[in-house]
Amino acid sequence: MLHFMSGKEIFDRYQLAALKNGLGSREFNYGNILYQALRIEGEERVFQLLELAENTGKRIALACSIPNAETGSEPNMVILV
């Protein structure tokens, strides 16, 4: 029987990998993206996106709705890539 991981379980798996691999690792950087995504979208939405990403082979990324080269805007959107 296959066990499909919940978004929370997926999030926790990535956070554990980030801690294990440490600062500067690809896993650490992705864990940081996921934490920022939580701030932008909230847990429920990010967990849904993680489940979708897991099932489609994609990853969560951060984006800016209106990029501004002069002011350098903070990411304010969560997307799948």
PDB file of N, CA and C in Angstrom:
ATOM      1  N   MET A   1       0.839  -1.184   0.000  1.00  0.00           N
ATOM      2  CA  MET A   1       0.000   0.000   0.000  1.00  0.00           C
ATOM      3  C   MET A   1       0.886   1.249   0.000  1.00  0.00           C
ATOM      4  N   LEU A   2       0.612   2.148  -0.914  1.00  0.00           N
ATOM      5  CA  LEU A   2       1.370   3.387  -0.988  1.00  0.00           C
ATOM      6  C   LEU A   2       0.871   4.391   0.036  1.00  0.00           C
ATOM      7  N   HIS A   3       1.799   5.100   0.630  1.00  0.00           N
ATOM      8  CA  HIS A   3       1.437   6.164   1.561  1.00  0.00           C
ATOM      9  C   HIS A   3       1.745   7.500   0.900  1.00  0.00           C
ATOM     10  N   PHE A   4       0.714   8.289   0.686  1.00  0.00           N
ATOM     11  CA  PHE A   4       0.913   9.615   0.127  1.00  0.00           C
ATOM     12  C   PHE A   4       1.139  10.578   1.279  1.00  0.00           C
ATOM     13  N   MET A   5       2.232  11.307   1.192  1.00  0.00           N
ATOM     14  CA  MET A   5       2.595  12.225   2.264  1.00  0.00           C
ATOM     15  C   MET A   5       1.720  13.472   2.207  1.00  0.00           C
ATOM     16  N   SER A   6       1.353  13.955   3.378  1.00  0.00           N
ATOM     17  CA  SER A   6       0.613  15.210   3.450  1.00  0.00           C
ATOM     18  C   SER A   6       1.587  16.357   3.200  1.00  0.00           C
ATOM     19  N   GLY A   7       1.060  17.520   2.904  1.00  0.00           N
ATOM     20  CA  GLY A   7       1.900  18.693   2.705  1.00  0.00           C
ATOM     21  C   GLY A   7       2.764  18.974   3.914  1.00  0.00           C
ATOM     22  N   LYS A   8       2.213  18.798   5.107  1.00  0.00           N
ATOM     23  CA  LYS A   8       2.966  19.015   6.348  1.00  0.00           C
ATOM     24  C   LYS A   8       4.116  18.025   6.449  1.00  0.00           C
ATOM     25  N   GLU A   9       3.872  16.758   6.107  1.00  0.00           N
ATOM     26  CA  GLU A   9       4.933  15.744   6.142  1.00  0.00           C
ATOM     27  C   GLU A   9       6.035  16.073   5.133  1.00  0.00           C
ATOM     28  N   ILE A  10       5.645  16.531   3.961  1.00  0.00           N
ATOM     29  CA  ILE A  10       6.624  16.914   2.932  1.00  0.00           C
ATOM     30  C   ILE A  10       7.456  18.095   3.419  1.00  0.00           C
ATOM     31  N   PHE A  11       6.777  19.094   3.991  1.00  0.00           N
ATOM     32  CA  PHE A  11       7.462  20.276   4.525  1.00  0.00           C
ATOM     33  C   PHE A  11       8.476  19.850   5.580  1.00  0.00           C
ATOM     34  N   ASP A  12       8.052  19.010   6.509  1.00  0.00           N
ATOM     35  CA  ASP A  12       8.943  18.541   7.577  1.00  0.00           C
ATOM     36  C   ASP A  12      10.132  17.771   7.009  1.00  0.00           C
ATOM     37  N   ARG A  13       9.898  16.962   5.987  1.00  0.00           N
ATOM     38  CA  ARG A  13      10.987  16.203   5.353  1.00  0.00           C
ATOM     39  C   ARG A  13      12.039  17.151   4.783  1.00  0.00           C
ATOM     40  N   TYR A  14      11.584  18.204   4.105  1.00  0.00           N
ATOM     41  CA  TYR A  14      12.532  19.172   3.548  1.00  0.00           C
ATOM     42  C   TYR A  14      13.268  19.934   4.646  1.00  0.00           C
ATOM     43  N   GLN A  15      12.590  20.253   5.735  1.00  0.00           N
ATOM     44  CA  GLN A  15      13.249  20.974   6.827  1.00  0.00           C
ATOM     45  C   GLN A  15      14.311  20.096   7.499  1.00  0.00           C
ATOM     46  N   LEU A  16      14.026  18.818   7.663  1.00  0.00           N
ATOM     47  CA  LEU A  16      15.017  17.901   8.236  1.00  0.00           C
ATOM     48  C   LEU A  16      16.230  17.768   7.323  1.00  0.00           C
ATOM     49  N   ALA A  17      15.991  17.697   6.025  1.00  0.00           N
ATOM     50  CA  ALA A  17      17.100  17.621   5.063  1.00  0.00           C
ATOM     51  C   ALA A  17      17.941  18.890   5.121  1.00  0.00           C
ATOM     52  N   ALA A  18      17.292  20.036   5.293  1.00  0.00           N
ATOM     53  CA  ALA A  18      18.014  21.306   5.390  1.00  0.00           C
ATOM     54  C   ALA A  18      18.917  21.311   6.615  1.00  0.00           C
ATOM     55  N   LEU A  19      18.396  20.855   7.754  1.00  0.00           N
ATOM     56  CA  LEU A  19      19.201  20.800   8.979  1.00  0.00           C
ATOM     57  C   LEU A  19      20.366  19.824   8.836  1.00  0.00           C
ATOM     58  N   LYS A  20      20.095  18.692   8.225  1.00  0.00           N
ATOM     59  CA  LYS A  20      21.112  17.654   8.079  1.00  0.00           C
ATOM     60  C   LYS A  20      22.247  18.113   7.165  1.00  0.00           C
ATOM     61  N   ASN A  21      21.905  18.783   6.065  1.00  0.00           N
ATOM     62  CA  ASN A  21      22.905  19.156   5.069  1.00  0.00           C
ATOM     63  C   ASN A  21      23.567  20.498   5.348  1.00  0.00           C
ATOM     64  N   GLY A  22      22.911  21.327   6.148  1.00  0.00           N
ATOM     65  CA  GLY A  22      23.543  22.536   6.639  1.00  0.00           C
ATOM     66  C   GLY A  22      23.531  23.741   5.723  1.00  0.00           C
ATOM     67  N   LEU A  23      23.980  24.838   6.315  1.00  0.00           N
ATOM     68  CA  LEU A  23      24.022  26.145   5.669  1.00  0.00           C
ATOM     69  C   LEU A  23      24.731  26.083   4.322  1.00  0.00           C
ATOM     70  N   GLY A  24      24.111  26.682   3.307  1.00  0.00           N
ATOM     71  CA  GLY A  24      24.719  26.740   1.982  1.00  0.00           C
ATOM     72  C   GLY A  24      24.368  25.574   1.080  1.00  0.00           C
ATOM     73  N   SER A  25      23.792  24.507   1.645  1.00  0.00           N
ATOM     74  CA  SER A  25      23.429  23.352   0.816  1.00  0.00           C
ATOM     75  C   SER A  25      22.166  23.658   0.018  1.00  0.00           C
ATOM     76  N   ARG A  26      21.968  22.900  -1.027  1.00  0.00           N
ATOM     77  CA  ARG A  26      20.758  23.039  -1.843  1.00  0.00           C
ATOM     78  C   ARG A  26      19.518  22.788  -0.986  1.00  0.00           C
ATOM     79  N   GLU A  27      19.604  21.804  -0.094  1.00  0.00           N
ATOM     80  CA  GLU A  27      18.481  21.475   0.784  1.00  0.00           C
ATOM     81  C   GLU A  27      18.186  22.624   1.749  1.00  0.00           C
ATOM     82  N   PHE A  28      19.243  23.252   2.268  1.00  0.00           N
ATOM     83  CA  PHE A  28      19.063  24.387   3.177  1.00  0.00           C
ATOM     84  C   PHE A  28      18.385  25.543   2.438  1.00  0.00           C
ATOM     85  N   ASN A  29      18.835  25.816   1.226  1.00  0.00           N
ATOM     86  CA  ASN A  29      18.254  26.907   0.444  1.00  0.00           C
ATOM     87  C   ASN A  29      16.781  26.653   0.135  1.00  0.00           C
ATOM     88  N   TYR A  30      16.429  25.414  -0.205  1.00  0.00           N
ATOM     89  CA  TYR A  30      15.027  25.100  -0.494  1.00  0.00           C
ATOM     90  C   TYR A  30      14.192  25.187   0.780  1.00  0.00           C
ATOM     91  N   GLY A  31      14.731  24.734   1.900  1.00  0.00           N
ATOM     92  CA  GLY A  31      14.030  24.861   3.174  1.00  0.00           C
ATOM     93  C   GLY A  31      13.729  26.317   3.491  1.00  0.00           C
ATOM     94  N   ASN A  32      14.678  27.194   3.199  1.00  0.00           N
ATOM     95  CA  ASN A  32      14.487  28.627   3.415  1.00  0.00           C
ATOM     96  C   ASN A  32      13.381  29.175   2.509  1.00  0.00           C
ATOM     97  N   ILE A  33      13.360  28.732   1.270  1.00  0.00           N
ATOM     98  CA  ILE A  33      12.293  29.138   0.339  1.00  0.00           C
ATOM     99  C   ILE A  33      10.938  28.712   0.887  1.00  0.00           C
ATOM    100  N   LEU A  34      10.864  27.503   1.424  1.00  0.00           N
ATOM    101  CA  LEU A  34       9.587  27.019   1.956  1.00  0.00           C
ATOM    102  C   LEU A  34       9.133  27.840   3.156  1.00  0.00           C
ATOM    103  N   TYR A  35      10.061  28.245   4.025  1.00  0.00           N
ATOM    104  CA  TYR A  35       9.697  29.101   5.157  1.00  0.00           C
ATOM    105  C   TYR A  35       9.194  30.459   4.673  1.00  0.00           C
ATOM    106  N   GLN A  36       9.855  31.021   3.674  1.00  0.00           N
ATOM    107  CA  GLN A  36       9.399  32.301   3.122  1.00  0.00           C
ATOM    108  C   GLN A  36       8.023  32.141   2.481  1.00  0.00           C
ATOM    109  N   ALA A  37       7.807  31.011   1.819  1.00  0.00           N
ATOM    110  CA  ALA A  37       6.506  30.745   1.203  1.00  0.00           C
ATOM    111  C   ALA A  37       5.406  30.716   2.258  1.00  0.00           C
ATOM    112  N   LEU A  38       5.706  30.155   3.435  1.00  0.00           N
ATOM    113  CA  LEU A  38       4.725  30.135   4.521  1.00  0.00           C
ATOM    114  C   LEU A  38       4.337  31.548   4.934  1.00  0.00           C
ATOM    115  N   ARG A  39       5.307  32.434   5.006  1.00  0.00           N
ATOM    116  CA  ARG A  39       5.032  33.830   5.376  1.00  0.00           C
ATOM    117  C   ARG A  39       4.144  34.519   4.344  1.00  0.00           C
ATOM    118  N   ILE A  40       4.351  34.190   3.086  1.00  0.00           N
ATOM    119  CA  ILE A  40       3.606  34.837   2.002  1.00  0.00           C
ATOM    120  C   ILE A  40       2.196  34.266   1.862  1.00  0.00           C
ATOM    121  N   GLU A  41       2.080  32.947   1.840  1.00  0.00           N
ATOM    122  CA  GLU A  41       0.806  32.288   1.501  1.00  0.00           C
ATOM    123  C   GLU A  41       0.085  31.634   2.676  1.00  0.00           C
ATOM    124  N   GLY A  42       0.802  31.333   3.753  1.00  0.00           N
ATOM    125  CA  GLY A  42       0.193  30.607   4.867  1.00  0.00           C
ATOM    126  C   GLY A  42       0.345  29.107   4.705  1.00  0.00           C
ATOM    127  N   GLU A  43       0.195  28.404   5.830  1.00  0.00           N
ATOM    128  CA  GLU A  43       0.428  26.961   5.853  1.00  0.00           C
ATOM    129  C   GLU A  43      -0.462  26.179   4.902  1.00  0.00           C
ATOM    130  N   GLU A  44      -1.759  26.433   4.962  1.00  0.00           N
ATOM    131  CA  GLU A  44      -2.690  25.614   4.174  1.00  0.00           C
ATOM    132  C   GLU A  44      -2.338  25.638   2.690  1.00  0.00           C
ATOM    133  N   ARG A  45      -2.102  26.814   2.149  1.00  0.00           N
ATOM    134  CA  ARG A  45      -1.789  26.949   0.715  1.00  0.00           C
ATOM    135  C   ARG A  45      -0.434  26.317   0.379  1.00  0.00           C
ATOM    136  N   VAL A  46       0.567  26.557   1.212  1.00  0.00           N
ATOM    137  CA  VAL A  46       1.897  25.999   0.936  1.00  0.00           C
ATOM    138  C   VAL A  46       1.859  24.479   1.008  1.00  0.00           C
ATOM    139  N   PHE A  47       1.146  23.926   1.979  1.00  0.00           N
ATOM    140  CA  PHE A  47       1.051  22.471   2.081  1.00  0.00           C
ATOM    141  C   PHE A  47       0.337  21.892   0.862  1.00  0.00           C
ATOM    142  N   GLN A  48      -0.696  22.567   0.362  1.00  0.00           N
ATOM    143  CA  GLN A  48      -1.371  22.130  -0.862  1.00  0.00           C
ATOM    144  C   GLN A  48      -0.397  22.153  -2.041  1.00  0.00           C
ATOM    145  N   LEU A  49       0.365  23.238  -2.145  1.00  0.00           N
ATOM    146  CA  LEU A  49       1.326  23.352  -3.248  1.00  0.00           C
ATOM    147  C   LEU A  49       2.421  22.294  -3.141  1.00  0.00           C
ATOM    148  N   LEU A  50       2.856  21.974  -1.932  1.00  0.00           N
ATOM    149  CA  LEU A  50       3.867  20.932  -1.766  1.00  0.00           C
ATOM    150  C   LEU A  50       3.344  19.581  -2.229  1.00  0.00           C
ATOM    151  N   GLU A  51       2.092  19.280  -1.921  1.00  0.00           N
ATOM    152  CA  GLU A  51       1.499  18.024  -2.383  1.00  0.00           C
ATOM    153  C   GLU A  51       1.436  18.000  -3.905  1.00  0.00           C
ATOM    154  N   LEU A  52       1.014  19.102  -4.497  1.00  0.00           N
ATOM    155  CA  LEU A  52       0.946  19.193  -5.956  1.00  0.00           C
ATOM    156  C   LEU A  52       2.338  19.076  -6.564  1.00  0.00           C
ATOM    157  N   ALA A  53       3.309  19.759  -5.982  1.00  0.00           N
ATOM    158  CA  ALA A  53       4.682  19.704  -6.486  1.00  0.00           C
ATOM    159  C   ALA A  53       5.217  18.278  -6.423  1.00  0.00           C
ATOM    160  N   GLU A  54       4.963  17.605  -5.318  1.00  0.00           N
ATOM    161  CA  GLU A  54       5.437  16.235  -5.134  1.00  0.00           C
ATOM    162  C   GLU A  54       4.845  15.306  -6.201  1.00  0.00           C
ATOM    163  N   ASN A  55       3.575  15.518  -6.527  1.00  0.00           N
ATOM    164  CA  ASN A  55       2.887  14.652  -7.487  1.00  0.00           C
ATOM    165  C   ASN A  55       3.201  14.979  -8.939  1.00  0.00           C
ATOM    166  N   THR A  56       3.743  16.161  -9.202  1.00  0.00           N
ATOM    167  CA  THR A  56       4.009  16.576 -10.582  1.00  0.00           C
ATOM    168  C   THR A  56       5.496  16.752 -10.877  1.00  0.00           C
ATOM    169  N   GLY A  57       6.345  16.482  -9.883  1.00  0.00           N
ATOM    170  CA  GLY A  57       7.788  16.609 -10.091  1.00  0.00           C
ATOM    171  C   GLY A  57       8.267  18.053 -10.150  1.00  0.00           C
ATOM    172  N   LYS A  58       7.507  18.953  -9.559  1.00  0.00           N
ATOM    173  CA  LYS A  58       7.894  20.362  -9.564  1.00  0.00           C
ATOM    174  C   LYS A  58       8.380  20.776  -8.190  1.00  0.00           C
ATOM    175  N   ARG A  59       8.796  22.043  -8.090  1.00  0.00           N
ATOM    176  CA  ARG A  59       9.261  22.606  -6.830  1.00  0.00           C
ATOM    177  C   ARG A  59       8.614  23.958  -6.617  1.00  0.00           C
ATOM    178  N   ILE A  60       8.544  24.358  -5.361  1.00  0.00           N
ATOM    179  CA  ILE A  60       8.029  25.684  -5.020  1.00  0.00           C
ATOM    180  C   ILE A  60       9.132  26.703  -5.246  1.00  0.00           C
ATOM    181  N   ALA A  61       8.744  27.856  -5.782  1.00  0.00           N
ATOM    182  CA  ALA A  61       9.676  28.965  -5.974  1.00  0.00           C
ATOM    183  C   ALA A  61       8.980  30.253  -5.559  1.00  0.00           C
ATOM    184  N   LEU A  62       9.768  31.280  -5.320  1.00  0.00           N
ATOM    185  CA  LEU A  62       9.239  32.589  -4.965  1.00  0.00           C
ATOM    186  C   LEU A  62       9.389  33.514  -6.172  1.00  0.00           C
ATOM    187  N   ALA A  63       8.428  34.410  -6.324  1.00  0.00           N
ATOM    188  CA  ALA A  63       8.465  35.344  -7.443  1.00  0.00           C
ATOM    189  C   ALA A  63       7.909  36.690  -6.996  1.00  0.00           C
ATOM    190  N   CYS A  64       8.164  37.688  -7.800  1.00  0.00           N
ATOM    191  CA  CYS A  64       7.633  39.033  -7.556  1.00  0.00           C
ATOM    192  C   CYS A  64       6.544  39.305  -8.582  1.00  0.00           C
ATOM    193  N   SER A  65       5.427  39.842  -8.119  1.00  0.00           N
ATOM    194  CA  SER A  65       4.335  40.124  -9.053  1.00  0.00           C
ATOM    195  C   SER A  65       4.693  41.262  -9.992  1.00  0.00           C
ATOM    196  N   ILE A  66       5.421  42.260  -9.483  1.00  0.00           N
ATOM    197  CA  ILE A  66       5.849  43.385 -10.317  1.00  0.00           C
ATOM    198  C   ILE A  66       7.325  43.634 -10.050  1.00  0.00           C
ATOM    199  N   PRO A  67       8.203  43.007 -10.854  1.00  0.00           N
ATOM    200  CA  PRO A  67       9.626  43.223 -10.634  1.00  0.00           C
ATOM    201  C   PRO A  67       9.994  44.692 -10.873  1.00  0.00           C
ATOM    202  N   ASN A  68      10.836  45.221 -10.011  1.00  0.00           N
ATOM    203  CA  ASN A  68      11.250  46.606 -10.135  1.00  0.00           C
ATOM    204  C   ASN A  68      12.759  46.657  -9.929  1.00  0.00           C
ATOM    205  N   ALA A  69      13.493  46.884 -11.003  1.00  0.00           N
ATOM    206  CA  ALA A  69      14.952  46.895 -10.949  1.00  0.00           C
ATOM    207  C   ALA A  69      15.480  48.011 -10.053  1.00  0.00           C
ATOM    208  N   GLU A  70      14.750  49.118  -9.969  1.00  0.00           N
ATOM    209  CA  GLU A  70      15.234  50.255  -9.188  1.00  0.00           C
ATOM    210  C   GLU A  70      15.161  49.990  -7.689  1.00  0.00           C
ATOM    211  N   THR A  71      14.055  49.431  -7.227  1.00  0.00           N
ATOM    212  CA  THR A  71      13.884  49.244  -5.785  1.00  0.00           C
ATOM    213  C   THR A  71      14.212  47.834  -5.334  1.00  0.00           C
ATOM    214  N   GLY A  72      14.314  46.904  -6.256  1.00  0.00           N
ATOM    215  CA  GLY A  72      14.569  45.520  -5.869  1.00  0.00           C
ATOM    216  C   GLY A  72      13.482  45.006  -4.952  1.00  0.00           C
ATOM    217  N   SER A  73      12.418  44.489  -5.513  1.00  0.00           N
ATOM    218  CA  SER A  73      11.267  44.109  -4.705  1.00  0.00           C
ATOM    219  C   SER A  73      11.447  42.749  -4.058  1.00  0.00           C
ATOM    220  N   GLU A  74      10.818  42.596  -2.908  1.00  0.00           N
ATOM    221  CA  GLU A  74      10.782  41.336  -2.183  1.00  0.00           C
ATOM    222  C   GLU A  74       9.814  40.389  -2.880  1.00  0.00           C
ATOM    223  N   PRO A  75      10.091  39.070  -2.859  1.00  0.00           N
ATOM    224  CA  PRO A  75       9.116  38.122  -3.416  1.00  0.00           C
ATOM    225  C   PRO A  75       7.790  38.237  -2.680  1.00  0.00           C
ATOM    226  N   ASN A  76       6.704  38.171  -3.443  1.00  0.00           N
ATOM    227  CA  ASN A  76       5.383  38.240  -2.841  1.00  0.00           C
ATOM    228  C   ASN A  76       4.419  37.224  -3.434  1.00  0.00           C
ATOM    229  N   MET A  77       4.961  36.262  -4.172  1.00  0.00           N
ATOM    230  CA  MET A  77       4.150  35.209  -4.781  1.00  0.00           C
ATOM    231  C   MET A  77       4.873  33.874  -4.613  1.00  0.00           C
ATOM    232  N   VAL A  78       4.077  32.822  -4.520  1.00  0.00           N
ATOM    233  CA  VAL A  78       4.621  31.465  -4.469  1.00  0.00           C
ATOM    234  C   VAL A  78       4.134  30.748  -5.722  1.00  0.00           C
ATOM    235  N   ILE A  79       5.073  30.167  -6.481  1.00  0.00           N
ATOM    236  CA  ILE A  79       4.731  29.504  -7.738  1.00  0.00           C
ATOM    237  C   ILE A  79       5.351  28.115  -7.766  1.00  0.00           C
ATOM    238  N   LEU A  80       4.905  27.307  -8.704  1.00  0.00           N
ATOM    239  CA  LEU A  80       5.512  26.002  -8.942  1.00  0.00           C
ATOM    240  C   LEU A  80       6.332  26.077 -10.220  1.00  0.00           C
ATOM    241  N   VAL A  81       7.529  25.518 -10.169  1.00  0.00           N
ATOM    242  CA  VAL A  81       8.387  25.492 -11.360  1.00  0.00           C
ATOM    243  C   VAL A  81       8.877  24.087 -11.607  1.00  0.00           C
TER     244      VAL A  81
END
